[in-house]
Amino acid sequence: MPFIYARTVRFQDTDAAGVVYFANVLSMCHEAYEASLAATGIDLKRFFGKGAIAIPIVHASVDLRQPMFCGEQYAIHLTPTQLSPSKFSIQYAIFASDPQTQQISQAATIHIAIQTHKRTRSALPEEIIQWLHQDVTVV
């Protein structure tokens, strides 16, 4: 079930044409990811700090269906899925705040757990396993 994150487009998210730059869509999705982790009680400072396990993004994609502009409000629906003992994906669906609106954009990321000192794969930490299996949360 998706975690839903509310986000207003800021001027800094747009390019010279006044439209959200594609890479900034991924940045907004990452904000949603961080908010979903925090909502389940994960300490972000510790999680993104220099621990024994890191979970880098190894693949990202974004598809834009309509332009997004400064001041508009969106709902980012985040759905994580465990792919293996060391890997998960997150699917993002972005909708305008108006519930009658079609999907504006979609994105995806793939994350792999690694041991930071060896740079080799590791099992996902238990807190991430729990996060992957959470029920709906709305922010």
N, C-alpha and C. Protein backbone atom coordinates (compact mmCIF):
# COMPACT_ATOMS: atom_id res chain seq x y z
N MET A 1 0.84 -1.18 0.00
CA MET A 1 0.00 0.00 0.00
C MET A 1 0.88 1.24 0.00
N PRO A 2 0.44 2.29 -0.65
CA PRO A 2 1.32 3.46 -0.80
C PRO A 2 1.38 4.36 0.43
N PHE A 3 2.52 4.97 0.58
CA PHE A 3 2.71 6.09 1.50
C PHE A 3 2.45 7.32 0.65
N ILE A 4 1.71 8.29 1.15
CA ILE A 4 1.39 9.48 0.37
C ILE A 4 2.03 10.70 1.00
N TYR A 5 2.77 11.43 0.18
CA TYR A 5 3.53 12.60 0.61
C TYR A 5 3.05 13.82 -0.16
N ALA A 6 2.69 14.87 0.55
CA ALA A 6 2.23 16.10 -0.09
C ALA A 6 3.44 17.01 -0.36
N ARG A 7 3.47 17.59 -1.56
CA ARG A 7 4.62 18.42 -1.94
C ARG A 7 4.16 19.56 -2.83
N THR A 8 4.58 20.77 -2.51
CA THR A 8 4.34 21.94 -3.35
C THR A 8 5.61 22.22 -4.15
N VAL A 9 5.47 22.44 -5.44
CA VAL A 9 6.62 22.75 -6.30
C VAL A 9 7.16 24.13 -5.93
N ARG A 10 8.46 24.21 -5.74
CA ARG A 10 9.13 25.46 -5.42
C ARG A 10 9.81 26.02 -6.66
N PHE A 11 10.08 27.31 -6.65
CA PHE A 11 10.77 27.96 -7.77
C PHE A 11 12.09 27.25 -8.08
N GLN A 12 12.81 26.84 -7.04
CA GLN A 12 14.11 26.18 -7.24
C GLN A 12 14.00 24.84 -7.97
N ASP A 13 12.79 24.27 -8.04
CA ASP A 13 12.58 23.00 -8.74
C ASP A 13 12.46 23.17 -10.25
N THR A 14 12.29 24.43 -10.70
CA THR A 14 11.99 24.67 -12.11
C THR A 14 13.23 25.07 -12.92
N ASP A 15 13.09 24.92 -14.22
CA ASP A 15 14.17 25.31 -15.13
C ASP A 15 13.87 26.70 -15.72
N ALA A 16 14.65 27.11 -16.70
CA ALA A 16 14.50 28.45 -17.29
C ALA A 16 13.14 28.64 -17.96
N ALA A 17 12.49 27.55 -18.34
CA ALA A 17 11.17 27.63 -18.97
C ALA A 17 10.04 27.66 -17.92
N GLY A 18 10.41 27.56 -16.63
CA GLY A 18 9.41 27.59 -15.57
C GLY A 18 8.74 26.26 -15.30
N VAL A 19 9.31 25.20 -15.84
CA VAL A 19 8.77 23.85 -15.69
C VAL A 19 9.72 23.05 -14.79
N VAL A 20 9.17 22.13 -13.99
CA VAL A 20 10.01 21.30 -13.13
C VAL A 20 10.99 20.51 -13.99
N TYR A 21 12.26 20.64 -13.66
CA TYR A 21 13.34 19.91 -14.32
C TYR A 21 13.25 18.44 -13.91
N PHE A 22 13.43 17.51 -14.87
CA PHE A 22 13.19 16.09 -14.62
C PHE A 22 13.97 15.56 -13.42
N ALA A 23 15.21 15.98 -13.25
CA ALA A 23 16.01 15.48 -12.12
C ALA A 23 15.42 15.92 -10.79
N ASN A 24 14.74 17.05 -10.78
CA ASN A 24 14.12 17.52 -9.54
C ASN A 24 12.88 16.70 -9.18
N VAL A 25 12.27 16.04 -10.16
CA VAL A 25 11.19 15.10 -9.84
C VAL A 25 11.77 13.97 -8.98
N LEU A 26 12.94 13.49 -9.35
CA LEU A 26 13.58 12.44 -8.54
C LEU A 26 13.93 12.96 -7.14
N SER A 27 14.34 14.21 -7.05
CA SER A 27 14.63 14.81 -5.76
C SER A 27 13.37 14.86 -4.88
N MET A 28 12.24 15.24 -5.48
CA MET A 28 10.97 15.26 -4.74
C MET A 28 10.58 13.85 -4.28
N CYS A 29 10.83 12.87 -5.14
CA CYS A 29 10.54 11.48 -4.77
C CYS A 29 11.42 11.05 -3.60
N HIS A 30 12.68 11.49 -3.62
CA HIS A 30 13.57 11.14 -2.51
C HIS A 30 13.09 11.77 -1.21
N GLU A 31 12.54 12.98 -1.28
CA GLU A 31 11.93 13.60 -0.09
C GLU A 31 10.82 12.70 0.45
N ALA A 32 10.00 12.17 -0.46
CA ALA A 32 8.91 11.28 -0.05
C ALA A 32 9.46 10.02 0.62
N TYR A 33 10.52 9.46 0.06
CA TYR A 33 11.20 8.29 0.63
C TYR A 33 11.67 8.60 2.05
N GLU A 34 12.36 9.73 2.24
CA GLU A 34 12.84 10.10 3.57
C GLU A 34 11.67 10.29 4.55
N ALA A 35 10.60 10.92 4.09
CA ALA A 35 9.42 11.13 4.95
C ALA A 35 8.79 9.81 5.34
N SER A 36 8.76 8.85 4.42
CA SER A 36 8.17 7.55 4.74
C SER A 36 9.01 6.79 5.76
N LEU A 37 10.34 6.90 5.64
CA LEU A 37 11.22 6.26 6.63
C LEU A 37 10.99 6.88 8.01
N ALA A 38 10.96 8.21 8.06
CA ALA A 38 10.76 8.91 9.34
C ALA A 38 9.40 8.58 9.94
N ALA A 39 8.39 8.44 9.10
CA ALA A 39 7.04 8.15 9.59
C ALA A 39 6.95 6.78 10.27
N THR A 40 7.87 5.88 9.93
CA THR A 40 7.87 4.56 10.57
C THR A 40 8.84 4.50 11.74
N GLY A 41 9.40 5.66 12.11
CA GLY A 41 10.27 5.71 13.29
C GLY A 41 11.74 5.53 13.02
N ILE A 42 12.15 5.49 11.77
CA ILE A 42 13.57 5.35 11.45
C ILE A 42 14.26 6.69 11.69
N ASP A 43 15.36 6.67 12.43
CA ASP A 43 16.15 7.87 12.72
C ASP A 43 16.97 8.20 11.48
N LEU A 44 16.59 9.27 10.77
CA LEU A 44 17.25 9.61 9.51
C LEU A 44 18.72 9.96 9.67
N LYS A 45 19.06 10.63 10.74
CA LYS A 45 20.47 10.99 10.96
C LYS A 45 21.33 9.73 11.07
N ARG A 46 20.84 8.75 11.80
CA ARG A 46 21.58 7.50 11.95
C ARG A 46 21.53 6.68 10.65
N PHE A 47 20.36 6.63 10.03
CA PHE A 47 20.18 5.83 8.82
C PHE A 47 21.07 6.31 7.68
N PHE A 48 21.14 7.63 7.47
CA PHE A 48 21.94 8.17 6.39
C PHE A 48 23.36 8.53 6.83
N GLY A 49 23.70 8.21 8.08
CA GLY A 49 25.04 8.48 8.60
C GLY A 49 26.02 7.42 8.14
N LYS A 50 27.17 7.41 8.79
CA LYS A 50 28.24 6.48 8.40
C LYS A 50 28.14 5.19 9.20
N GLY A 51 27.10 4.40 8.93
CA GLY A 51 26.91 3.13 9.60
C GLY A 51 27.60 1.99 8.88
N ALA A 52 27.44 0.79 9.38
CA ALA A 52 28.05 -0.39 8.79
C ALA A 52 27.37 -0.79 7.49
N ILE A 53 26.08 -0.41 7.33
CA ILE A 53 25.32 -0.74 6.13
C ILE A 53 24.87 0.56 5.47
N ALA A 54 25.03 0.63 4.16
CA ALA A 54 24.50 1.74 3.36
C ALA A 54 23.54 1.15 2.35
N ILE A 55 22.58 1.97 1.90
CA ILE A 55 21.60 1.49 0.93
C ILE A 55 21.54 2.49 -0.23
N PRO A 56 22.53 2.47 -1.11
CA PRO A 56 22.55 3.42 -2.22
C PRO A 56 21.51 3.08 -3.29
N ILE A 57 21.14 4.10 -4.03
CA ILE A 57 20.29 3.92 -5.21
C ILE A 57 21.21 3.49 -6.35
N VAL A 58 20.85 2.39 -7.01
CA VAL A 58 21.67 1.88 -8.11
C VAL A 58 20.99 2.05 -9.47
N HIS A 59 19.73 2.45 -9.44
CA HIS A 59 19.01 2.72 -10.69
C HIS A 59 17.89 3.71 -10.39
N ALA A 60 17.65 4.63 -11.31
CA ALA A 60 16.55 5.58 -11.18
C ALA A 60 15.99 5.89 -12.55
N SER A 61 14.67 6.11 -12.61
CA SER A 61 14.04 6.52 -13.85
C SER A 61 12.87 7.44 -13.52
N VAL A 62 12.54 8.29 -14.48
CA VAL A 62 11.40 9.19 -14.32
C VAL A 62 10.74 9.38 -15.68
N ASP A 63 9.41 9.36 -15.69
CA ASP A 63 8.63 9.63 -16.88
C ASP A 63 7.69 10.79 -16.58
N LEU A 64 7.74 11.80 -17.42
CA LEU A 64 6.90 12.99 -17.25
C LEU A 64 5.75 12.92 -18.24
N ARG A 65 4.53 13.06 -17.75
CA ARG A 65 3.36 13.02 -18.62
C ARG A 65 2.78 14.40 -18.89
N GLN A 66 2.96 15.30 -17.93
CA GLN A 66 2.49 16.68 -18.06
C GLN A 66 3.49 17.58 -17.36
N PRO A 67 3.60 18.83 -17.78
CA PRO A 67 4.51 19.74 -17.08
C PRO A 67 4.00 20.06 -15.68
N MET A 68 4.94 20.32 -14.79
CA MET A 68 4.65 20.71 -13.41
C MET A 68 5.23 22.11 -13.22
N PHE A 69 4.48 22.98 -12.53
CA PHE A 69 4.87 24.39 -12.41
C PHE A 69 4.96 24.83 -10.96
N CYS A 70 5.73 25.88 -10.72
CA CYS A 70 5.91 26.45 -9.38
C CYS A 70 4.55 26.78 -8.75
N GLY A 71 4.42 26.45 -7.47
CA GLY A 71 3.20 26.74 -6.72
C GLY A 71 2.15 25.65 -6.77
N GLU A 72 2.28 24.71 -7.70
CA GLU A 72 1.30 23.62 -7.78
C GLU A 72 1.56 22.60 -6.68
N GLN A 73 0.48 21.97 -6.25
CA GLN A 73 0.58 20.97 -5.18
C GLN A 73 0.35 19.58 -5.75
N TYR A 74 1.15 18.64 -5.24
CA TYR A 74 1.09 17.26 -5.73
C TYR A 74 1.07 16.28 -4.57
N ALA A 75 0.57 15.09 -4.87
CA ALA A 75 0.60 13.97 -3.93
C ALA A 75 1.50 12.90 -4.55
N ILE A 76 2.56 12.57 -3.84
CA ILE A 76 3.49 11.54 -4.33
C ILE A 76 3.15 10.24 -3.61
N HIS A 77 2.73 9.25 -4.38
CA HIS A 77 2.38 7.94 -3.84
C HIS A 77 3.61 7.04 -3.98
N LEU A 78 4.13 6.59 -2.86
CA LEU A 78 5.36 5.79 -2.82
C LEU A 78 4.99 4.36 -2.43
N THR A 79 5.41 3.40 -3.26
CA THR A 79 5.13 1.98 -2.97
C THR A 79 6.44 1.20 -3.06
N PRO A 80 6.99 0.78 -1.90
CA PRO A 80 8.23 -0.02 -1.92
C PRO A 80 7.92 -1.51 -2.06
N THR A 81 8.86 -2.22 -2.69
CA THR A 81 8.72 -3.67 -2.88
C THR A 81 10.08 -4.32 -2.67
N GLN A 82 10.13 -5.32 -1.82
CA GLN A 82 11.38 -6.05 -1.63
C GLN A 82 11.59 -6.97 -2.83
N LEU A 83 12.78 -6.92 -3.42
CA LEU A 83 13.11 -7.72 -4.60
C LEU A 83 13.97 -8.94 -4.27
N SER A 84 14.78 -8.82 -3.21
CA SER A 84 15.65 -9.91 -2.78
C SER A 84 16.05 -9.60 -1.34
N PRO A 85 16.82 -10.48 -0.68
CA PRO A 85 17.25 -10.17 0.69
C PRO A 85 18.10 -8.91 0.82
N SER A 86 18.68 -8.43 -0.30
CA SER A 86 19.54 -7.24 -0.24
C SER A 86 19.05 -6.07 -1.10
N LYS A 87 17.87 -6.21 -1.71
CA LYS A 87 17.47 -5.23 -2.73
C LYS A 87 15.98 -4.92 -2.64
N PHE A 88 15.64 -3.64 -2.86
CA PHE A 88 14.23 -3.26 -2.97
C PHE A 88 14.07 -2.18 -4.03
N SER A 89 12.84 -2.03 -4.49
CA SER A 89 12.51 -0.96 -5.44
C SER A 89 11.43 -0.09 -4.82
N ILE A 90 11.34 1.12 -5.33
CA ILE A 90 10.27 2.03 -4.95
C ILE A 90 9.65 2.57 -6.22
N GLN A 91 8.34 2.44 -6.32
CA GLN A 91 7.58 3.02 -7.42
C GLN A 91 6.92 4.29 -6.90
N TYR A 92 7.01 5.35 -7.66
CA TYR A 92 6.41 6.63 -7.30
C TYR A 92 5.39 7.00 -8.37
N ALA A 93 4.20 7.39 -7.94
CA ALA A 93 3.18 7.92 -8.83
C ALA A 93 2.84 9.30 -8.31
N ILE A 94 2.91 10.30 -9.20
CA ILE A 94 2.69 11.68 -8.79
C ILE A 94 1.40 12.18 -9.41
N PHE A 95 0.52 12.68 -8.53
CA PHE A 95 -0.79 13.19 -8.93
C PHE A 95 -0.93 14.63 -8.47
N ALA A 96 -1.67 15.44 -9.24
CA ALA A 96 -2.04 16.77 -8.77
C ALA A 96 -2.94 16.58 -7.56
N SER A 97 -3.00 17.58 -6.70
CA SER A 97 -3.80 17.49 -5.48
C SER A 97 -5.28 17.24 -5.76
N ASP A 98 -5.78 17.73 -6.90
CA ASP A 98 -7.17 17.51 -7.28
C ASP A 98 -7.37 16.02 -7.56
N PRO A 99 -8.23 15.34 -6.82
CA PRO A 99 -8.38 13.89 -6.99
C PRO A 99 -8.91 13.47 -8.36
N GLN A 100 -9.46 14.40 -9.13
CA GLN A 100 -9.97 14.08 -10.46
C GLN A 100 -8.87 14.06 -11.52
N THR A 101 -7.68 14.49 -11.16
CA THR A 101 -6.58 14.63 -12.10
C THR A 101 -5.90 13.29 -12.37
N GLN A 102 -5.45 13.12 -13.58
CA GLN A 102 -4.70 11.93 -13.94
C GLN A 102 -3.29 11.99 -13.37
N GLN A 103 -2.61 10.88 -13.46
CA GLN A 103 -1.23 10.82 -13.01
C GLN A 103 -0.39 11.76 -13.86
N ILE A 104 0.43 12.60 -13.19
CA ILE A 104 1.25 13.61 -13.84
C ILE A 104 2.62 13.05 -14.23
N SER A 105 3.17 12.21 -13.36
CA SER A 105 4.52 11.69 -13.54
C SER A 105 4.65 10.37 -12.81
N GLN A 106 5.66 9.62 -13.18
CA GLN A 106 6.00 8.41 -12.43
C GLN A 106 7.51 8.28 -12.38
N ALA A 107 7.98 7.63 -11.34
CA ALA A 107 9.42 7.43 -11.18
C ALA A 107 9.65 6.09 -10.48
N ALA A 108 10.87 5.64 -10.52
CA ALA A 108 11.24 4.40 -9.85
C ALA A 108 12.70 4.47 -9.43
N THR A 109 12.99 3.86 -8.30
CA THR A 109 14.38 3.71 -7.85
C THR A 109 14.60 2.28 -7.39
N ILE A 110 15.82 1.81 -7.53
CA ILE A 110 16.23 0.51 -7.01
C ILE A 110 17.37 0.75 -6.05
N HIS A 111 17.30 0.11 -4.89
CA HIS A 111 18.27 0.30 -3.80
C HIS A 111 18.86 -1.06 -3.44
N ILE A 112 20.16 -1.07 -3.13
CA ILE A 112 20.85 -2.30 -2.71
C ILE A 112 21.61 -2.02 -1.42
N ALA A 113 21.47 -2.92 -0.47
CA ALA A 113 22.21 -2.81 0.79
C ALA A 113 23.63 -3.32 0.59
N ILE A 114 24.59 -2.53 1.11
CA ILE A 114 25.99 -2.93 1.03
C ILE A 114 26.66 -2.72 2.39
N GLN A 115 27.70 -3.50 2.64
CA GLN A 115 28.56 -3.27 3.79
C GLN A 115 29.49 -2.12 3.41
N THR A 116 29.49 -1.06 4.21
CA THR A 116 30.23 0.13 3.81
C THR A 116 31.74 -0.08 3.75
N HIS A 117 32.30 -0.87 4.65
CA HIS A 117 33.76 -1.03 4.66
C HIS A 117 34.26 -1.97 3.56
N LYS A 118 33.44 -2.93 3.12
CA LYS A 118 33.85 -3.87 2.07
C LYS A 118 33.26 -3.55 0.70
N ARG A 119 32.20 -2.74 0.67
CA ARG A 119 31.47 -2.45 -0.56
C ARG A 119 30.92 -3.71 -1.22
N THR A 120 30.47 -4.64 -0.38
CA THR A 120 29.85 -5.87 -0.87
C THR A 120 28.40 -5.90 -0.39
N ARG A 121 27.57 -6.66 -1.10
CA ARG A 121 26.15 -6.74 -0.74
C ARG A 121 25.97 -7.26 0.67
N SER A 122 24.88 -6.80 1.26
CA SER A 122 24.52 -7.18 2.61
C SER A 122 23.01 -7.40 2.66
N ALA A 123 22.56 -8.14 3.64
CA ALA A 123 21.12 -8.26 3.85
C ALA A 123 20.57 -6.90 4.26
N LEU A 124 19.33 -6.64 3.88
CA LEU A 124 18.68 -5.41 4.30
C LEU A 124 18.54 -5.39 5.82
N PRO A 125 18.75 -4.24 6.45
CA PRO A 125 18.57 -4.15 7.90
C PRO A 125 17.10 -4.44 8.29
N GLU A 126 16.90 -4.93 9.47
CA GLU A 126 15.56 -5.28 9.94
C GLU A 126 14.61 -4.09 9.89
N GLU A 127 15.08 -2.90 10.22
CA GLU A 127 14.19 -1.73 10.19
C GLU A 127 13.69 -1.45 8.77
N ILE A 128 14.49 -1.75 7.76
CA ILE A 128 14.04 -1.57 6.37
C ILE A 128 13.07 -2.67 5.99
N ILE A 129 13.29 -3.88 6.45
CA ILE A 129 12.34 -4.97 6.20
C ILE A 129 10.98 -4.58 6.78
N GLN A 130 10.97 -4.05 7.98
CA GLN A 130 9.71 -3.62 8.61
C GLN A 130 9.09 -2.48 7.82
N TRP A 131 9.89 -1.52 7.39
CA TRP A 131 9.39 -0.39 6.58
C TRP A 131 8.77 -0.89 5.29
N LEU A 132 9.39 -1.88 4.65
CA LEU A 132 8.88 -2.41 3.39
C LEU A 132 7.48 -3.02 3.53
N HIS A 133 7.14 -3.45 4.73
CA HIS A 133 5.87 -4.15 4.94
C HIS A 133 4.88 -3.33 5.76
N GLN A 134 5.03 -2.01 5.76
CA GLN A 134 4.12 -1.12 6.49
C GLN A 134 2.79 -0.97 5.77
N ASP A 135 1.78 -0.60 6.55
CA ASP A 135 0.47 -0.25 5.97
C ASP A 135 0.51 1.20 5.49
N VAL A 136 -0.57 1.64 4.93
CA VAL A 136 -0.69 3.01 4.39
C VAL A 136 -0.42 4.04 5.48
N THR A 137 0.36 5.04 5.11
CA THR A 137 0.60 6.20 5.95
C THR A 137 0.42 7.42 5.09
N VAL A 138 -0.22 8.43 5.58
CA VAL A 138 -0.43 9.65 4.81
C VAL A 138 0.21 10.81 5.56
N VAL A 139 1.00 11.63 4.84
CA VAL A 139 1.61 12.83 5.41
C VAL A 139 0.98 14.04 4.75
